Amino acid sequence: MSPIPDSNRRELLILDSGPIRELLLHHAVFQFRFERLRGSLRCLTTPASYERCSRFIASFRRKATSASVVAELNYWIRATEERGHARLWHRVYDEYRAMDMQEEAISLISMDVDMVTRFGPVDVSLFELAWRRRGSHPMVLTVDAGLRSRCLDAGFGAHLLEEL
């Protein structure tokens, strides 16, 4: 894949746990041969879909997520076969380094309790991250139609991974 010239790159992509999990699942199935995880793949089921996602992510100058996403990834990795945990975590590190991912902690106390009750702390942390960085015209990438809808209603860009 050829690099995208800086003049054509968008500013900030905020990644939810779903797209990151899909990237990990794609590697787990197609490179690590973790066949038991194949049924968990929802969007990046082919090399072509993975390539489209990679190009989309690369079209942004900066990538960010919340620390809550890491906690959610941990929950997912712990639910997989224990022998694969180290390989999956190494892949998480590789993905974060490749994207030069910025990770921001959004404290629970700074989140509105009614929003946390309705949408959960991960979605609220991503929404708050987008709000804090609204001057960078953030785009949220998710697999959650509800989060996408809330972002669009607030004036943030948002895409579902399946739309790429």
N, C-alpha and C. Protein backbone atom coordinates (compact mmCIF):
# COMPACT_ATOMS: atom_id res chain seq x y z
N MET A 1 0.85 -1.16 0.00
CA MET A 1 0.00 0.00 0.00
C MET A 1 0.90 1.24 0.00
N SER A 2 0.63 2.17 -0.91
CA SER A 2 1.44 3.39 -0.98
C SER A 2 0.94 4.38 0.07
N PRO A 3 1.90 5.12 0.66
CA PRO A 3 1.48 6.09 1.69
C PRO A 3 0.63 7.20 1.09
N ILE A 4 -0.25 7.73 1.92
CA ILE A 4 -1.13 8.82 1.50
C ILE A 4 -0.40 10.13 1.75
N PRO A 5 -0.30 11.02 0.74
CA PRO A 5 0.36 12.31 0.96
C PRO A 5 -0.31 13.07 2.09
N ASP A 6 0.50 13.76 2.91
CA ASP A 6 -0.03 14.49 4.06
C ASP A 6 -1.12 15.48 3.68
N SER A 7 -1.02 16.10 2.52
CA SER A 7 -2.01 17.08 2.12
C SER A 7 -3.40 16.47 1.89
N ASN A 8 -3.45 15.16 1.68
CA ASN A 8 -4.73 14.48 1.43
C ASN A 8 -5.24 13.72 2.65
N ARG A 9 -4.57 13.85 3.77
CA ARG A 9 -4.97 13.09 4.95
C ARG A 9 -5.92 13.88 5.83
N ARG A 10 -6.89 13.18 6.39
CA ARG A 10 -7.81 13.78 7.33
C ARG A 10 -7.13 13.87 8.69
N GLU A 11 -7.70 14.61 9.60
CA GLU A 11 -7.00 14.93 10.83
C GLU A 11 -7.02 13.81 11.88
N LEU A 12 -8.18 13.43 12.42
CA LEU A 12 -8.22 12.56 13.59
C LEU A 12 -9.26 11.45 13.44
N LEU A 13 -8.82 10.22 13.63
CA LEU A 13 -9.70 9.06 13.66
C LEU A 13 -9.71 8.52 15.08
N ILE A 14 -10.90 8.36 15.64
CA ILE A 14 -11.06 7.77 16.96
C ILE A 14 -11.60 6.38 16.77
N LEU A 15 -10.88 5.39 17.28
CA LEU A 15 -11.26 3.99 17.08
C LEU A 15 -11.92 3.41 18.32
N ASP A 16 -13.05 2.79 18.09
CA ASP A 16 -13.77 2.02 19.10
C ASP A 16 -13.12 0.64 19.18
N SER A 17 -13.48 -0.13 20.17
CA SER A 17 -12.89 -1.46 20.34
C SER A 17 -13.29 -2.43 19.22
N GLY A 18 -14.49 -2.29 18.66
CA GLY A 18 -14.95 -3.21 17.62
C GLY A 18 -14.03 -3.27 16.41
N PRO A 19 -13.67 -2.13 15.80
CA PRO A 19 -12.75 -2.17 14.67
C PRO A 19 -11.36 -2.72 15.03
N ILE A 20 -10.87 -2.37 16.22
CA ILE A 20 -9.56 -2.90 16.63
C ILE A 20 -9.66 -4.42 16.80
N ARG A 21 -10.75 -4.88 17.41
CA ARG A 21 -10.95 -6.32 17.59
C ARG A 21 -11.02 -7.02 16.23
N GLU A 22 -11.70 -6.40 15.25
CA GLU A 22 -11.78 -6.99 13.91
C GLU A 22 -10.40 -7.09 13.26
N LEU A 23 -9.57 -6.06 13.42
CA LEU A 23 -8.20 -6.12 12.89
C LEU A 23 -7.44 -7.28 13.53
N LEU A 24 -7.60 -7.43 14.85
CA LEU A 24 -6.93 -8.52 15.56
C LEU A 24 -7.46 -9.88 15.11
N LEU A 25 -8.78 -9.98 14.99
CA LEU A 25 -9.38 -11.24 14.54
C LEU A 25 -8.90 -11.62 13.15
N HIS A 26 -8.79 -10.65 12.26
CA HIS A 26 -8.32 -10.93 10.91
C HIS A 26 -6.93 -11.56 10.96
N HIS A 27 -6.02 -10.95 11.74
CA HIS A 27 -4.68 -11.52 11.88
C HIS A 27 -4.72 -12.88 12.55
N ALA A 28 -5.53 -13.01 13.57
CA ALA A 28 -5.61 -14.28 14.30
C ALA A 28 -6.05 -15.41 13.37
N VAL A 29 -7.02 -15.14 12.51
CA VAL A 29 -7.55 -16.17 11.62
C VAL A 29 -6.64 -16.40 10.42
N PHE A 30 -6.25 -15.33 9.75
CA PHE A 30 -5.54 -15.48 8.48
C PHE A 30 -4.03 -15.65 8.62
N GLN A 31 -3.44 -15.17 9.72
CA GLN A 31 -2.00 -15.33 9.88
C GLN A 31 -1.63 -16.30 10.99
N PHE A 32 -2.34 -16.25 12.11
CA PHE A 32 -2.04 -17.15 13.21
C PHE A 32 -2.75 -18.49 13.06
N ARG A 33 -3.74 -18.54 12.15
CA ARG A 33 -4.53 -19.76 11.90
C ARG A 33 -5.34 -20.20 13.12
N PHE A 34 -5.88 -19.23 13.86
CA PHE A 34 -6.76 -19.51 14.99
C PHE A 34 -8.16 -19.73 14.42
N GLU A 35 -8.40 -20.89 13.88
CA GLU A 35 -9.65 -21.18 13.16
C GLU A 35 -10.89 -21.06 14.04
N ARG A 36 -10.75 -21.31 15.32
CA ARG A 36 -11.92 -21.20 16.21
C ARG A 36 -12.48 -19.78 16.26
N LEU A 37 -11.66 -18.81 15.88
CA LEU A 37 -12.11 -17.42 15.93
C LEU A 37 -12.74 -16.95 14.62
N ARG A 38 -12.68 -17.78 13.59
CA ARG A 38 -13.20 -17.38 12.27
C ARG A 38 -14.67 -16.96 12.35
N GLY A 39 -15.47 -17.66 13.11
CA GLY A 39 -16.89 -17.34 13.23
C GLY A 39 -17.16 -16.01 13.92
N SER A 40 -16.16 -15.47 14.61
CA SER A 40 -16.31 -14.17 15.28
C SER A 40 -16.08 -13.00 14.34
N LEU A 41 -15.43 -13.23 13.21
CA LEU A 41 -15.19 -12.16 12.24
C LEU A 41 -16.52 -11.69 11.68
N ARG A 42 -16.75 -10.37 11.69
CA ARG A 42 -18.00 -9.82 11.17
C ARG A 42 -17.79 -8.99 9.92
N CYS A 43 -16.69 -8.23 9.87
CA CYS A 43 -16.51 -7.26 8.79
C CYS A 43 -15.27 -7.50 7.95
N LEU A 44 -14.17 -7.85 8.57
CA LEU A 44 -12.91 -8.01 7.85
C LEU A 44 -12.67 -9.48 7.52
N THR A 45 -13.59 -10.03 6.74
CA THR A 45 -13.59 -11.46 6.47
C THR A 45 -12.73 -11.87 5.28
N THR A 46 -12.21 -10.89 4.54
CA THR A 46 -11.37 -11.18 3.37
C THR A 46 -10.16 -10.27 3.39
N PRO A 47 -9.10 -10.64 2.66
CA PRO A 47 -7.96 -9.72 2.54
C PRO A 47 -8.36 -8.37 1.94
N ALA A 48 -9.30 -8.35 1.02
CA ALA A 48 -9.74 -7.10 0.40
C ALA A 48 -10.43 -6.19 1.43
N SER A 49 -11.26 -6.74 2.29
CA SER A 49 -11.94 -5.92 3.30
C SER A 49 -10.92 -5.39 4.31
N TYR A 50 -9.92 -6.20 4.64
CA TYR A 50 -8.86 -5.76 5.54
C TYR A 50 -8.08 -4.60 4.90
N GLU A 51 -7.78 -4.73 3.63
CA GLU A 51 -7.04 -3.69 2.91
C GLU A 51 -7.83 -2.37 2.86
N ARG A 52 -9.13 -2.44 2.61
CA ARG A 52 -9.97 -1.23 2.60
C ARG A 52 -9.94 -0.55 3.97
N CYS A 53 -10.03 -1.34 5.01
CA CYS A 53 -10.00 -0.80 6.36
C CYS A 53 -8.64 -0.14 6.63
N SER A 54 -7.57 -0.81 6.24
CA SER A 54 -6.22 -0.28 6.45
C SER A 54 -6.03 1.05 5.72
N ARG A 55 -6.52 1.12 4.49
CA ARG A 55 -6.41 2.37 3.73
C ARG A 55 -7.20 3.50 4.39
N PHE A 56 -8.40 3.17 4.87
CA PHE A 56 -9.21 4.17 5.56
C PHE A 56 -8.48 4.70 6.79
N ILE A 57 -7.97 3.81 7.61
CA ILE A 57 -7.25 4.21 8.83
C ILE A 57 -6.03 5.05 8.47
N ALA A 58 -5.29 4.63 7.44
CA ALA A 58 -4.09 5.36 7.03
C ALA A 58 -4.39 6.74 6.47
N SER A 59 -5.64 7.00 6.10
CA SER A 59 -5.99 8.30 5.53
C SER A 59 -6.09 9.40 6.58
N PHE A 60 -5.88 9.07 7.85
CA PHE A 60 -5.93 10.04 8.94
C PHE A 60 -4.52 10.31 9.47
N ARG A 61 -4.25 11.57 9.77
CA ARG A 61 -2.95 11.95 10.32
C ARG A 61 -2.73 11.34 11.71
N ARG A 62 -3.79 11.40 12.54
CA ARG A 62 -3.67 10.92 13.91
C ARG A 62 -4.77 9.91 14.20
N LYS A 63 -4.44 8.95 15.06
CA LYS A 63 -5.41 7.96 15.53
C LYS A 63 -5.43 8.01 17.04
N ALA A 64 -6.61 7.88 17.61
CA ALA A 64 -6.74 7.93 19.06
C ALA A 64 -7.82 6.96 19.51
N THR A 65 -7.74 6.62 20.78
CA THR A 65 -8.76 5.80 21.42
C THR A 65 -8.72 6.11 22.90
N SER A 66 -9.64 5.54 23.64
CA SER A 66 -9.64 5.74 25.09
C SER A 66 -9.05 4.51 25.77
N ALA A 67 -8.57 4.72 26.97
CA ALA A 67 -8.03 3.60 27.74
C ALA A 67 -9.12 2.56 28.02
N SER A 68 -10.36 2.98 28.03
CA SER A 68 -11.47 2.03 28.23
C SER A 68 -11.50 0.96 27.13
N VAL A 69 -11.07 1.33 25.94
CA VAL A 69 -11.04 0.37 24.83
C VAL A 69 -10.04 -0.75 25.14
N VAL A 70 -8.91 -0.41 25.73
CA VAL A 70 -7.92 -1.43 26.09
C VAL A 70 -8.53 -2.40 27.10
N ALA A 71 -9.28 -1.88 28.06
CA ALA A 71 -9.93 -2.76 29.03
C ALA A 71 -10.92 -3.69 28.35
N GLU A 72 -11.65 -3.17 27.36
CA GLU A 72 -12.60 -4.00 26.63
C GLU A 72 -11.87 -5.05 25.78
N LEU A 73 -10.73 -4.69 25.19
CA LEU A 73 -9.93 -5.66 24.44
C LEU A 73 -9.42 -6.76 25.37
N ASN A 74 -9.02 -6.37 26.59
CA ASN A 74 -8.56 -7.35 27.56
C ASN A 74 -9.66 -8.36 27.87
N TYR A 75 -10.86 -7.87 28.06
CA TYR A 75 -11.99 -8.75 28.35
C TYR A 75 -12.18 -9.75 27.20
N TRP A 76 -12.10 -9.26 25.96
CA TRP A 76 -12.26 -10.13 24.80
C TRP A 76 -11.12 -11.14 24.70
N ILE A 77 -9.88 -10.69 24.84
CA ILE A 77 -8.73 -11.60 24.73
C ILE A 77 -8.80 -12.67 25.80
N ARG A 78 -9.18 -12.31 27.01
CA ARG A 78 -9.28 -13.29 28.10
C ARG A 78 -10.32 -14.36 27.81
N ALA A 79 -11.28 -14.06 26.97
CA ALA A 79 -12.33 -15.03 26.62
C ALA A 79 -11.89 -15.98 25.51
N THR A 80 -10.72 -15.73 24.90
CA THR A 80 -10.21 -16.62 23.86
C THR A 80 -9.35 -17.70 24.50
N GLU A 81 -8.88 -18.62 23.68
CA GLU A 81 -8.04 -19.71 24.20
C GLU A 81 -6.75 -19.15 24.79
N GLU A 82 -6.45 -19.59 26.00
CA GLU A 82 -5.32 -19.03 26.76
C GLU A 82 -3.99 -19.13 26.02
N ARG A 83 -3.79 -20.17 25.26
CA ARG A 83 -2.50 -20.33 24.55
C ARG A 83 -2.27 -19.21 23.53
N GLY A 84 -3.32 -18.54 23.09
CA GLY A 84 -3.16 -17.48 22.11
C GLY A 84 -3.08 -16.08 22.67
N HIS A 85 -3.20 -15.94 23.99
CA HIS A 85 -3.24 -14.61 24.60
C HIS A 85 -2.00 -13.78 24.27
N ALA A 86 -0.82 -14.37 24.41
CA ALA A 86 0.41 -13.61 24.17
C ALA A 86 0.49 -13.14 22.73
N ARG A 87 0.13 -14.01 21.80
CA ARG A 87 0.18 -13.61 20.39
C ARG A 87 -0.82 -12.48 20.10
N LEU A 88 -2.00 -12.57 20.68
CA LEU A 88 -3.00 -11.51 20.48
C LEU A 88 -2.53 -10.19 21.09
N TRP A 89 -1.96 -10.24 22.29
CA TRP A 89 -1.48 -9.00 22.90
C TRP A 89 -0.33 -8.40 22.10
N HIS A 90 0.56 -9.25 21.60
CA HIS A 90 1.64 -8.73 20.75
C HIS A 90 1.06 -8.05 19.52
N ARG A 91 0.00 -8.62 18.98
CA ARG A 91 -0.64 -8.02 17.81
C ARG A 91 -1.28 -6.67 18.16
N VAL A 92 -1.88 -6.57 19.36
CA VAL A 92 -2.43 -5.29 19.82
C VAL A 92 -1.31 -4.24 19.84
N TYR A 93 -0.19 -4.60 20.44
CA TYR A 93 0.95 -3.68 20.50
C TYR A 93 1.39 -3.30 19.09
N ASP A 94 1.50 -4.27 18.19
CA ASP A 94 1.91 -3.99 16.80
C ASP A 94 0.94 -3.03 16.12
N GLU A 95 -0.36 -3.26 16.29
CA GLU A 95 -1.37 -2.38 15.68
C GLU A 95 -1.26 -0.96 16.25
N TYR A 96 -1.15 -0.85 17.57
CA TYR A 96 -1.06 0.47 18.19
C TYR A 96 0.19 1.21 17.72
N ARG A 97 1.31 0.50 17.64
CA ARG A 97 2.55 1.14 17.15
C ARG A 97 2.42 1.54 15.69
N ALA A 98 1.88 0.66 14.87
CA ALA A 98 1.75 0.94 13.44
C ALA A 98 0.86 2.16 13.21
N MET A 99 -0.16 2.32 14.01
CA MET A 99 -1.08 3.46 13.87
C MET A 99 -0.57 4.69 14.62
N ASP A 100 0.49 4.54 15.41
CA ASP A 100 0.94 5.61 16.29
C ASP A 100 -0.24 6.09 17.13
N MET A 101 -0.93 5.12 17.71
CA MET A 101 -2.17 5.36 18.45
C MET A 101 -1.94 6.22 19.68
N GLN A 102 -2.74 7.24 19.83
CA GLN A 102 -2.77 8.05 21.04
C GLN A 102 -3.87 7.48 21.92
N GLU A 103 -3.53 7.20 23.15
CA GLU A 103 -4.50 6.61 24.08
C GLU A 103 -4.74 7.60 25.21
N GLU A 104 -5.99 7.91 25.44
CA GLU A 104 -6.32 8.91 26.46
C GLU A 104 -7.23 8.29 27.51
N ALA A 105 -6.92 8.57 28.76
CA ALA A 105 -7.77 8.10 29.86
C ALA A 105 -8.86 9.15 30.10
N ILE A 106 -10.08 8.71 30.09
CA ILE A 106 -11.23 9.55 30.42
C ILE A 106 -11.76 8.98 31.73
N SER A 107 -11.64 9.73 32.80
CA SER A 107 -12.03 9.19 34.11
C SER A 107 -13.55 9.04 34.21
N LEU A 108 -13.94 8.03 34.94
CA LEU A 108 -15.36 7.78 35.16
C LEU A 108 -16.03 9.00 35.79
N ILE A 109 -15.37 9.63 36.74
CA ILE A 109 -15.94 10.78 37.45
C ILE A 109 -16.21 11.93 36.49
N SER A 110 -15.45 12.04 35.41
CA SER A 110 -15.67 13.14 34.46
C SER A 110 -16.81 12.85 33.49
N MET A 111 -17.33 11.61 33.52
CA MET A 111 -18.42 11.22 32.63
C MET A 111 -19.77 11.45 33.32
N ASP A 112 -20.74 11.84 32.54
CA ASP A 112 -22.10 12.01 33.05
C ASP A 112 -22.68 10.63 33.42
N VAL A 113 -23.13 10.49 34.65
CA VAL A 113 -23.60 9.20 35.14
C VAL A 113 -24.82 8.70 34.36
N ASP A 114 -25.70 9.61 33.95
CA ASP A 114 -26.87 9.19 33.17
C ASP A 114 -26.44 8.63 31.82
N MET A 115 -25.43 9.25 31.21
CA MET A 115 -24.93 8.74 29.91
C MET A 115 -24.25 7.38 30.10
N VAL A 116 -23.48 7.23 31.17
CA VAL A 116 -22.82 5.94 31.44
C VAL A 116 -23.88 4.87 31.65
N THR A 117 -24.94 5.21 32.38
CA THR A 117 -26.02 4.25 32.62
C THR A 117 -26.67 3.82 31.31
N ARG A 118 -26.90 4.77 30.40
CA ARG A 118 -27.58 4.47 29.13
C ARG A 118 -26.67 3.78 28.11
N PHE A 119 -25.39 4.24 28.01
CA PHE A 119 -24.56 3.80 26.89
C PHE A 119 -23.32 3.01 27.29
N GLY A 120 -22.95 3.03 28.54
CA GLY A 120 -21.76 2.33 29.01
C GLY A 120 -20.53 3.22 28.97
N PRO A 121 -19.55 2.91 29.82
CA PRO A 121 -18.38 3.78 29.95
C PRO A 121 -17.49 3.82 28.71
N VAL A 122 -17.43 2.76 27.92
CA VAL A 122 -16.57 2.78 26.74
C VAL A 122 -17.12 3.77 25.71
N ASP A 123 -18.40 3.65 25.39
CA ASP A 123 -19.00 4.58 24.41
C ASP A 123 -18.93 6.02 24.90
N VAL A 124 -19.20 6.24 26.18
CA VAL A 124 -19.17 7.60 26.71
C VAL A 124 -17.74 8.14 26.66
N SER A 125 -16.75 7.30 26.94
CA SER A 125 -15.36 7.78 26.89
C SER A 125 -14.97 8.16 25.46
N LEU A 126 -15.42 7.41 24.47
CA LEU A 126 -15.12 7.75 23.07
C LEU A 126 -15.83 9.02 22.65
N PHE A 127 -17.07 9.16 23.07
CA PHE A 127 -17.84 10.37 22.77
C PHE A 127 -17.16 11.58 23.42
N GLU A 128 -16.73 11.43 24.66
CA GLU A 128 -16.05 12.52 25.37
C GLU A 128 -14.72 12.86 24.68
N LEU A 129 -14.00 11.85 24.24
CA LEU A 129 -12.75 12.08 23.51
C LEU A 129 -13.01 12.88 22.24
N ALA A 130 -14.05 12.52 21.50
CA ALA A 130 -14.42 13.26 20.29
C ALA A 130 -14.80 14.70 20.65
N TRP A 131 -15.54 14.87 21.73
CA TRP A 131 -15.95 16.21 22.15
C TRP A 131 -14.72 17.06 22.49
N ARG A 132 -13.78 16.47 23.25
CA ARG A 132 -12.57 17.20 23.64
C ARG A 132 -11.71 17.58 22.43
N ARG A 133 -11.78 16.79 21.40
CA ARG A 133 -10.95 17.03 20.21
C ARG A 133 -11.78 17.54 19.04
N ARG A 134 -12.91 18.12 19.32
CA ARG A 134 -13.82 18.55 18.24
C ARG A 134 -13.18 19.53 17.28
N GLY A 135 -12.20 20.29 17.71
CA GLY A 135 -11.50 21.21 16.82
C GLY A 135 -10.70 20.50 15.72
N SER A 136 -10.44 19.21 15.92
CA SER A 136 -9.72 18.40 14.92
C SER A 136 -10.67 17.67 13.99
N HIS A 137 -11.96 18.00 14.08
CA HIS A 137 -12.99 17.36 13.25
C HIS A 137 -12.86 15.83 13.29
N PRO A 138 -13.02 15.25 14.49
CA PRO A 138 -12.80 13.81 14.63
C PRO A 138 -13.83 12.97 13.86
N MET A 139 -13.36 11.81 13.46
CA MET A 139 -14.20 10.78 12.84
C MET A 139 -14.11 9.56 13.76
N VAL A 140 -15.24 9.02 14.15
CA VAL A 140 -15.28 7.83 15.01
C VAL A 140 -15.54 6.62 14.12
N LEU A 141 -14.71 5.59 14.28
CA LEU A 141 -14.89 4.32 13.57
C LEU A 141 -15.35 3.29 14.58
N THR A 142 -16.49 2.66 14.31
CA THR A 142 -17.11 1.75 15.27
C THR A 142 -17.84 0.63 14.53
N VAL A 143 -18.30 -0.35 15.27
CA VAL A 143 -19.22 -1.37 14.75
C VAL A 143 -20.59 -1.19 15.41
N ASP A 144 -20.71 -0.19 16.25
CA ASP A 144 -21.90 0.06 17.06
C ASP A 144 -22.75 1.15 16.41
N ALA A 145 -23.88 0.76 15.85
CA ALA A 145 -24.77 1.72 15.17
C ALA A 145 -25.28 2.79 16.12
N GLY A 146 -25.50 2.45 17.38
CA GLY A 146 -25.96 3.43 18.35
C GLY A 146 -24.92 4.52 18.60
N LEU A 147 -23.66 4.12 18.77
CA LEU A 147 -22.59 5.09 18.96
C LEU A 147 -22.44 5.96 17.71
N ARG A 148 -22.52 5.35 16.56
CA ARG A 148 -22.42 6.12 15.31
C ARG A 148 -23.52 7.17 15.26
N SER A 149 -24.74 6.79 15.59
CA SER A 149 -25.88 7.70 15.56
C SER A 149 -25.69 8.85 16.54
N ARG A 150 -25.25 8.55 17.76
CA ARG A 150 -25.02 9.60 18.75
C ARG A 150 -23.94 10.58 18.29
N CYS A 151 -22.89 10.06 17.67
CA CYS A 151 -21.82 10.93 17.16
C CYS A 151 -22.33 11.83 16.05
N LEU A 152 -23.07 11.25 15.12
CA LEU A 152 -23.61 12.06 14.01
C LEU A 152 -24.56 13.14 14.54
N ASP A 153 -25.40 12.78 15.52
CA ASP A 153 -26.32 13.75 16.12
C ASP A 153 -25.57 14.91 16.78
N ALA A 154 -24.37 14.62 17.31
CA ALA A 154 -23.57 15.66 17.97
C ALA A 154 -22.70 16.44 16.99
N GLY A 155 -22.74 16.06 15.72
CA GLY A 155 -21.97 16.78 14.72
C GLY A 155 -20.59 16.23 14.45
N PHE A 156 -20.29 15.03 14.99
CA PHE A 156 -19.01 14.39 14.72
C PHE A 156 -19.18 13.45 13.54
N GLY A 157 -18.12 13.27 12.79
CA GLY A 157 -18.15 12.26 11.75
C GLY A 157 -18.12 10.88 12.38
N ALA A 158 -18.75 9.93 11.74
CA ALA A 158 -18.74 8.56 12.25
C ALA A 158 -19.01 7.60 11.11
N HIS A 159 -18.31 6.48 11.14
CA HIS A 159 -18.49 5.41 10.15
C HIS A 159 -18.63 4.09 10.86
N LEU A 160 -19.45 3.25 10.29
CA LEU A 160 -19.48 1.85 10.73
C LEU A 160 -18.44 1.10 9.92
N LEU A 161 -17.73 0.19 10.57
CA LEU A 161 -16.69 -0.57 9.89
C LEU A 161 -17.24 -1.30 8.69
N GLU A 162 -18.44 -1.81 8.79
CA GLU A 162 -19.04 -2.56 7.67
C GLU A 162 -19.31 -1.69 6.43
N GLU A 163 -19.29 -0.37 6.61
CA GLU A 163 -19.53 0.54 5.49
C GLU A 163 -18.28 0.78 4.64
N LEU A 164 -17.12 0.43 5.17
CA LEU A 164 -15.88 0.73 4.44
C LEU A 164 -15.71 -0.13 3.21
